[in-house]
Amino acid sequence: MTVYFEDIAVGDNAEAGKTITEADVLLFSAVSGDNNPVHLNQVYAAATKFETRIVHGMLTASLISGVIGTQLPGYGTIYLSQTTRFKSPVRLGETVTTRVSVVELFPEKKRVKLATQCLVGDKVVLEGESLVIAPSRG
């Protein structure tokens, strides 16, 4: 799906949900090289303040890219920047809802500023802001 810059308005939003599985964590670890045992080893993780394995924070953050790249603005979007504040850990088996909302438009360069959030239930686990170049008809 593509939403062209000319059709985007402040307040537009999109969201998607994803339940994080064991396979997701193992694959992300393999791709990223992050094999921190808090993500992979239950015995190790049980001795941490989390008391169980937690999902890589950047795996959670990557869900934002999925919504931006497939929904708003969608196919053809170019990422310029992302700020991210991790508020709470995500545990394996939890469903993360990712929301993006248009907060500002820059017509001269077809740029879109988006507020970004990831939630587990009603709890915000990550928040931030993205700047992207949206596809344009022109």
N, C-alpha and C. Protein backbone atom coordinates (compact mmCIF):
# COMPACT_ATOMS: atom_id res chain seq x y z
N MET A 1 0.85 -1.18 0.00
CA MET A 1 0.00 0.00 0.00
C MET A 1 0.90 1.25 0.00
N THR A 2 0.47 2.27 -0.70
CA THR A 2 1.17 3.55 -0.70
C THR A 2 0.18 4.68 -0.48
N VAL A 3 0.51 5.57 0.44
CA VAL A 3 -0.23 6.81 0.61
C VAL A 3 0.73 7.91 0.15
N TYR A 4 0.38 8.59 -0.92
CA TYR A 4 1.24 9.63 -1.46
C TYR A 4 1.25 10.87 -0.58
N PHE A 5 2.37 11.57 -0.59
CA PHE A 5 2.53 12.76 0.23
C PHE A 5 1.32 13.70 0.06
N GLU A 6 0.87 13.85 -1.16
CA GLU A 6 -0.22 14.78 -1.46
C GLU A 6 -1.54 14.39 -0.78
N ASP A 7 -1.65 13.15 -0.34
CA ASP A 7 -2.87 12.66 0.29
C ASP A 7 -2.76 12.53 1.81
N ILE A 8 -1.61 12.87 2.36
CA ILE A 8 -1.38 12.73 3.80
C ILE A 8 -1.76 14.02 4.51
N ALA A 9 -2.40 13.88 5.67
CA ALA A 9 -2.79 15.03 6.49
C ALA A 9 -2.33 14.81 7.93
N VAL A 10 -2.05 15.92 8.61
CA VAL A 10 -1.75 15.84 10.04
C VAL A 10 -2.92 15.15 10.72
N GLY A 11 -2.61 14.20 11.58
CA GLY A 11 -3.64 13.43 12.28
C GLY A 11 -3.88 12.05 11.68
N ASP A 12 -3.44 11.83 10.43
CA ASP A 12 -3.56 10.48 9.85
C ASP A 12 -2.77 9.51 10.72
N ASN A 13 -3.26 8.28 10.81
CA ASN A 13 -2.56 7.29 11.62
C ASN A 13 -2.75 5.89 11.07
N ALA A 14 -1.90 4.99 11.54
CA ALA A 14 -1.98 3.58 11.16
C ALA A 14 -1.45 2.76 12.32
N GLU A 15 -1.85 1.50 12.38
CA GLU A 15 -1.35 0.62 13.43
C GLU A 15 -1.37 -0.82 12.98
N ALA A 16 -0.57 -1.63 13.68
CA ALA A 16 -0.52 -3.06 13.42
C ALA A 16 -0.15 -3.76 14.72
N GLY A 17 -0.55 -5.00 14.85
CA GLY A 17 -0.23 -5.81 16.02
C GLY A 17 0.64 -6.99 15.64
N LYS A 18 1.51 -7.39 16.55
CA LYS A 18 2.40 -8.54 16.32
C LYS A 18 2.66 -9.21 17.66
N THR A 19 2.40 -10.51 17.74
CA THR A 19 2.76 -11.28 18.91
C THR A 19 4.19 -11.77 18.72
N ILE A 20 5.05 -11.46 19.69
CA ILE A 20 6.47 -11.79 19.58
C ILE A 20 6.69 -13.24 20.01
N THR A 21 7.27 -14.01 19.11
CA THR A 21 7.49 -15.43 19.34
C THR A 21 8.95 -15.75 19.63
N GLU A 22 9.18 -16.96 20.06
CA GLU A 22 10.54 -17.47 20.25
C GLU A 22 11.33 -17.35 18.96
N ALA A 23 10.70 -17.73 17.85
CA ALA A 23 11.38 -17.65 16.55
C ALA A 23 11.78 -16.22 16.22
N ASP A 24 10.92 -15.24 16.51
CA ASP A 24 11.25 -13.84 16.26
C ASP A 24 12.52 -13.44 17.00
N VAL A 25 12.61 -13.81 18.27
CA VAL A 25 13.77 -13.44 19.09
C VAL A 25 15.03 -14.13 18.58
N LEU A 26 14.94 -15.42 18.25
CA LEU A 26 16.11 -16.14 17.75
C LEU A 26 16.58 -15.60 16.41
N LEU A 27 15.64 -15.31 15.52
CA LEU A 27 16.02 -14.77 14.21
C LEU A 27 16.62 -13.37 14.34
N PHE A 28 16.04 -12.53 15.20
CA PHE A 28 16.58 -11.19 15.39
C PHE A 28 17.99 -11.27 15.98
N SER A 29 18.18 -12.17 16.91
CA SER A 29 19.51 -12.35 17.50
C SER A 29 20.52 -12.75 16.44
N ALA A 30 20.13 -13.66 15.56
CA ALA A 30 21.03 -14.11 14.49
C ALA A 30 21.35 -12.99 13.52
N VAL A 31 20.36 -12.22 13.14
CA VAL A 31 20.57 -11.13 12.16
C VAL A 31 21.37 -9.99 12.78
N SER A 32 21.04 -9.62 14.01
CA SER A 32 21.68 -8.45 14.63
C SER A 32 23.02 -8.79 15.28
N GLY A 33 23.22 -10.04 15.63
CA GLY A 33 24.42 -10.42 16.37
C GLY A 33 24.30 -10.17 17.87
N ASP A 34 23.14 -9.71 18.32
CA ASP A 34 22.91 -9.43 19.74
C ASP A 34 22.48 -10.73 20.42
N ASN A 35 23.44 -11.40 21.05
CA ASN A 35 23.13 -12.66 21.74
C ASN A 35 23.18 -12.49 23.26
N ASN A 36 22.83 -11.30 23.73
CA ASN A 36 22.74 -11.03 25.17
C ASN A 36 21.86 -12.11 25.80
N PRO A 37 22.34 -12.78 26.86
CA PRO A 37 21.56 -13.88 27.44
C PRO A 37 20.24 -13.45 28.07
N VAL A 38 20.04 -12.17 28.34
CA VAL A 38 18.75 -11.73 28.87
C VAL A 38 17.64 -11.98 27.84
N HIS A 39 18.03 -12.12 26.56
CA HIS A 39 17.06 -12.41 25.50
C HIS A 39 16.95 -13.90 25.21
N LEU A 40 18.01 -14.65 25.49
CA LEU A 40 18.10 -16.02 24.98
C LEU A 40 18.17 -17.12 26.05
N ASN A 41 18.53 -16.79 27.27
CA ASN A 41 18.78 -17.80 28.29
C ASN A 41 17.88 -17.57 29.50
N GLN A 42 16.92 -18.45 29.70
CA GLN A 42 15.95 -18.28 30.79
C GLN A 42 16.62 -18.33 32.17
N VAL A 43 17.59 -19.20 32.36
CA VAL A 43 18.27 -19.28 33.65
C VAL A 43 18.96 -17.96 33.97
N TYR A 44 19.67 -17.42 33.00
CA TYR A 44 20.33 -16.13 33.19
C TYR A 44 19.28 -15.03 33.44
N ALA A 45 18.26 -14.98 32.59
CA ALA A 45 17.25 -13.92 32.68
C ALA A 45 16.49 -13.97 34.00
N ALA A 46 16.29 -15.16 34.55
CA ALA A 46 15.56 -15.30 35.82
C ALA A 46 16.27 -14.58 36.96
N ALA A 47 17.58 -14.43 36.85
CA ALA A 47 18.35 -13.77 37.90
C ALA A 47 18.44 -12.25 37.71
N THR A 48 17.81 -11.72 36.65
CA THR A 48 17.81 -10.28 36.41
C THR A 48 16.57 -9.64 37.02
N LYS A 49 16.51 -8.33 37.00
CA LYS A 49 15.34 -7.63 37.53
C LYS A 49 14.07 -7.95 36.73
N PHE A 50 14.23 -8.46 35.50
CA PHE A 50 13.07 -8.79 34.67
C PHE A 50 12.48 -10.15 35.02
N GLU A 51 13.28 -11.03 35.62
CA GLU A 51 12.88 -12.35 36.09
C GLU A 51 12.51 -13.33 34.98
N THR A 52 12.63 -12.91 33.75
CA THR A 52 12.36 -13.77 32.60
C THR A 52 13.02 -13.15 31.38
N ARG A 53 13.07 -13.89 30.31
CA ARG A 53 13.64 -13.37 29.07
C ARG A 53 12.81 -12.19 28.57
N ILE A 54 13.51 -11.22 27.97
CA ILE A 54 12.82 -10.08 27.36
C ILE A 54 13.22 -9.98 25.89
N VAL A 55 12.38 -9.36 25.14
CA VAL A 55 12.58 -9.15 23.71
C VAL A 55 13.61 -8.04 23.51
N HIS A 56 14.45 -8.17 22.49
CA HIS A 56 15.38 -7.10 22.15
C HIS A 56 14.59 -5.80 21.95
N GLY A 57 15.07 -4.73 22.55
CA GLY A 57 14.40 -3.44 22.37
C GLY A 57 14.35 -3.03 20.91
N MET A 58 15.43 -3.31 20.18
CA MET A 58 15.45 -2.92 18.77
C MET A 58 14.54 -3.80 17.91
N LEU A 59 14.24 -5.00 18.36
CA LEU A 59 13.23 -5.80 17.65
C LEU A 59 11.89 -5.08 17.76
N THR A 60 11.56 -4.66 18.98
CA THR A 60 10.32 -3.90 19.17
C THR A 60 10.32 -2.64 18.31
N ALA A 61 11.42 -1.91 18.32
CA ALA A 61 11.52 -0.67 17.53
C ALA A 61 11.37 -0.95 16.04
N SER A 62 11.83 -2.11 15.59
CA SER A 62 11.75 -2.43 14.16
C SER A 62 10.31 -2.58 13.69
N LEU A 63 9.39 -2.83 14.61
CA LEU A 63 7.98 -2.94 14.22
C LEU A 63 7.46 -1.61 13.67
N ILE A 64 8.06 -0.51 14.12
CA ILE A 64 7.68 0.81 13.59
C ILE A 64 7.97 0.87 12.09
N SER A 65 9.11 0.37 11.70
CA SER A 65 9.48 0.35 10.29
C SER A 65 8.46 -0.43 9.46
N GLY A 66 7.94 -1.50 10.03
CA GLY A 66 6.93 -2.29 9.33
C GLY A 66 5.67 -1.49 9.03
N VAL A 67 5.20 -0.71 10.00
CA VAL A 67 3.99 0.09 9.78
C VAL A 67 4.27 1.22 8.80
N ILE A 68 5.40 1.89 8.97
CA ILE A 68 5.74 3.00 8.07
C ILE A 68 5.96 2.50 6.65
N GLY A 69 6.65 1.39 6.50
CA GLY A 69 7.01 0.89 5.18
C GLY A 69 5.89 0.18 4.42
N THR A 70 4.81 -0.18 5.13
CA THR A 70 3.73 -0.90 4.45
C THR A 70 2.38 -0.21 4.52
N GLN A 71 2.23 0.78 5.44
CA GLN A 71 0.92 1.41 5.62
C GLN A 71 0.94 2.93 5.47
N LEU A 72 1.77 3.60 6.27
CA LEU A 72 1.73 5.06 6.29
C LEU A 72 3.14 5.62 6.45
N PRO A 73 3.71 6.17 5.40
CA PRO A 73 3.18 6.34 4.06
C PRO A 73 3.14 5.07 3.20
N GLY A 74 3.90 4.04 3.54
CA GLY A 74 3.80 2.79 2.80
C GLY A 74 4.95 2.58 1.83
N TYR A 75 4.68 1.77 0.82
CA TYR A 75 5.71 1.38 -0.14
C TYR A 75 6.39 2.60 -0.75
N GLY A 76 7.71 2.55 -0.82
CA GLY A 76 8.48 3.64 -1.39
C GLY A 76 8.94 4.68 -0.39
N THR A 77 8.53 4.55 0.88
CA THR A 77 8.94 5.49 1.91
C THR A 77 10.43 5.33 2.20
N ILE A 78 11.10 6.45 2.43
CA ILE A 78 12.52 6.46 2.78
C ILE A 78 12.65 6.98 4.21
N TYR A 79 13.26 6.17 5.07
CA TYR A 79 13.51 6.54 6.47
C TYR A 79 14.66 7.53 6.55
N LEU A 80 14.50 8.62 7.27
CA LEU A 80 15.59 9.57 7.51
C LEU A 80 16.11 9.50 8.95
N SER A 81 15.19 9.39 9.91
CA SER A 81 15.63 9.31 11.30
C SER A 81 14.54 8.71 12.17
N GLN A 82 14.99 8.24 13.34
CA GLN A 82 14.08 7.67 14.33
C GLN A 82 14.64 7.96 15.71
N THR A 83 13.82 8.55 16.58
CA THR A 83 14.18 8.65 17.99
C THR A 83 13.34 7.61 18.72
N THR A 84 13.93 7.04 19.75
CA THR A 84 13.26 5.96 20.46
C THR A 84 13.56 6.07 21.95
N ARG A 85 12.49 6.00 22.74
CA ARG A 85 12.63 5.95 24.19
C ARG A 85 11.96 4.65 24.65
N PHE A 86 12.76 3.78 25.26
CA PHE A 86 12.25 2.51 25.75
C PHE A 86 11.68 2.74 27.15
N LYS A 87 10.41 2.42 27.33
CA LYS A 87 9.71 2.70 28.58
C LYS A 87 9.55 1.45 29.46
N SER A 88 9.45 0.29 28.82
CA SER A 88 9.19 -0.94 29.56
C SER A 88 9.57 -2.13 28.68
N PRO A 89 10.01 -3.24 29.27
CA PRO A 89 10.39 -4.39 28.46
C PRO A 89 9.17 -5.11 27.87
N VAL A 90 9.42 -5.80 26.79
CA VAL A 90 8.42 -6.68 26.18
C VAL A 90 8.88 -8.11 26.44
N ARG A 91 7.96 -8.97 26.80
CA ARG A 91 8.29 -10.37 27.07
C ARG A 91 7.81 -11.25 25.92
N LEU A 92 8.46 -12.37 25.75
CA LEU A 92 8.06 -13.31 24.72
C LEU A 92 6.59 -13.67 24.91
N GLY A 93 5.88 -13.77 23.81
CA GLY A 93 4.46 -14.11 23.85
C GLY A 93 3.53 -12.92 23.96
N GLU A 94 4.07 -11.74 24.24
CA GLU A 94 3.22 -10.56 24.34
C GLU A 94 2.93 -10.00 22.94
N THR A 95 1.78 -9.38 22.81
CA THR A 95 1.39 -8.75 21.55
C THR A 95 1.69 -7.26 21.64
N VAL A 96 2.46 -6.80 20.67
CA VAL A 96 2.84 -5.38 20.59
C VAL A 96 1.97 -4.72 19.53
N THR A 97 1.32 -3.65 19.90
CA THR A 97 0.58 -2.83 18.95
C THR A 97 1.43 -1.62 18.64
N THR A 98 1.71 -1.41 17.35
CA THR A 98 2.53 -0.30 16.91
C THR A 98 1.64 0.73 16.25
N ARG A 99 1.78 1.99 16.68
CA ARG A 99 0.97 3.09 16.14
C ARG A 99 1.88 4.18 15.62
N VAL A 100 1.54 4.71 14.46
CA VAL A 100 2.22 5.89 13.93
C VAL A 100 1.15 6.93 13.60
N SER A 101 1.47 8.19 13.89
CA SER A 101 0.53 9.29 13.64
C SER A 101 1.29 10.46 13.03
N VAL A 102 0.72 11.04 12.00
CA VAL A 102 1.33 12.18 11.33
C VAL A 102 1.19 13.41 12.22
N VAL A 103 2.34 14.05 12.52
CA VAL A 103 2.31 15.25 13.36
C VAL A 103 2.75 16.51 12.63
N GLU A 104 3.48 16.36 11.51
CA GLU A 104 3.91 17.53 10.76
C GLU A 104 4.27 17.12 9.34
N LEU A 105 4.00 18.03 8.40
CA LEU A 105 4.32 17.82 6.98
C LEU A 105 5.27 18.91 6.51
N PHE A 106 6.22 18.54 5.66
CA PHE A 106 7.18 19.47 5.08
C PHE A 106 7.08 19.37 3.56
N PRO A 107 6.17 20.13 2.96
CA PRO A 107 5.88 19.98 1.53
C PRO A 107 7.07 20.19 0.60
N GLU A 108 7.99 21.09 0.96
CA GLU A 108 9.09 21.40 0.05
C GLU A 108 9.97 20.18 -0.22
N LYS A 109 10.05 19.25 0.73
CA LYS A 109 10.90 18.06 0.54
C LYS A 109 10.11 16.76 0.66
N LYS A 110 8.78 16.86 0.73
CA LYS A 110 7.90 15.68 0.83
C LYS A 110 8.21 14.86 2.08
N ARG A 111 8.56 15.54 3.15
CA ARG A 111 8.89 14.86 4.40
C ARG A 111 7.69 14.83 5.33
N VAL A 112 7.65 13.78 6.14
CA VAL A 112 6.57 13.58 7.09
C VAL A 112 7.18 13.25 8.44
N LYS A 113 6.75 13.97 9.46
CA LYS A 113 7.15 13.66 10.84
C LYS A 113 6.02 12.85 11.47
N LEU A 114 6.39 11.72 12.07
CA LEU A 114 5.42 10.81 12.66
C LEU A 114 5.72 10.59 14.14
N ALA A 115 4.70 10.66 14.99
CA ALA A 115 4.83 10.20 16.37
C ALA A 115 4.70 8.68 16.32
N THR A 116 5.55 7.99 17.08
CA THR A 116 5.56 6.53 17.05
C THR A 116 5.39 5.99 18.47
N GLN A 117 4.65 4.90 18.57
CA GLN A 117 4.43 4.24 19.86
C GLN A 117 4.32 2.74 19.65
N CYS A 118 4.81 2.00 20.63
CA CYS A 118 4.55 0.57 20.72
C CYS A 118 3.92 0.34 22.09
N LEU A 119 2.86 -0.44 22.11
CA LEU A 119 2.13 -0.71 23.34
C LEU A 119 1.95 -2.21 23.53
N VAL A 120 1.91 -2.62 24.79
CA VAL A 120 1.46 -3.95 25.17
C VAL A 120 0.22 -3.71 26.01
N GLY A 121 -0.92 -4.08 25.48
CA GLY A 121 -2.18 -3.70 26.11
C GLY A 121 -2.29 -2.18 26.06
N ASP A 122 -2.54 -1.56 27.20
CA ASP A 122 -2.62 -0.10 27.28
C ASP A 122 -1.31 0.53 27.72
N LYS A 123 -0.29 -0.28 27.95
CA LYS A 123 0.99 0.21 28.46
C LYS A 123 1.93 0.57 27.31
N VAL A 124 2.40 1.82 27.30
CA VAL A 124 3.38 2.26 26.31
C VAL A 124 4.73 1.66 26.68
N VAL A 125 5.31 0.87 25.77
CA VAL A 125 6.62 0.26 26.02
C VAL A 125 7.73 0.98 25.27
N LEU A 126 7.37 1.75 24.26
CA LEU A 126 8.33 2.49 23.45
C LEU A 126 7.60 3.68 22.86
N GLU A 127 8.28 4.82 22.80
CA GLU A 127 7.72 5.98 22.12
C GLU A 127 8.84 6.74 21.44
N GLY A 128 8.48 7.48 20.43
CA GLY A 128 9.50 8.25 19.73
C GLY A 128 8.91 9.03 18.56
N GLU A 129 9.78 9.27 17.60
CA GLU A 129 9.41 10.09 16.46
C GLU A 129 10.22 9.64 15.24
N SER A 130 9.56 9.61 14.09
CA SER A 130 10.23 9.27 12.83
C SER A 130 10.13 10.44 11.88
N LEU A 131 11.16 10.58 11.03
CA LEU A 131 11.11 11.52 9.92
C LEU A 131 11.37 10.69 8.67
N VAL A 132 10.44 10.82 7.70
CA VAL A 132 10.53 10.03 6.49
C VAL A 132 10.27 10.90 5.27
N ILE A 133 10.71 10.40 4.12
CA ILE A 133 10.32 10.99 2.84
C ILE A 133 9.22 10.12 2.28
N ALA A 134 8.06 10.72 2.02
CA ALA A 134 6.93 9.98 1.48
C ALA A 134 6.98 9.94 -0.03
N PRO A 135 6.48 8.87 -0.63
CA PRO A 135 6.36 8.85 -2.08
C PRO A 135 5.46 10.00 -2.55
N SER A 136 5.72 10.49 -3.74
CA SER A 136 4.96 11.62 -4.28
C SER A 136 4.50 11.32 -5.69
N ARG A 137 3.35 11.85 -6.04
CA ARG A 137 2.86 11.73 -7.42
C ARG A 137 3.70 12.59 -8.37
N GLY A 138 4.26 13.68 -7.82
CA GLY A 138 4.98 14.64 -8.65
C GLY A 138 6.40 14.25 -8.80
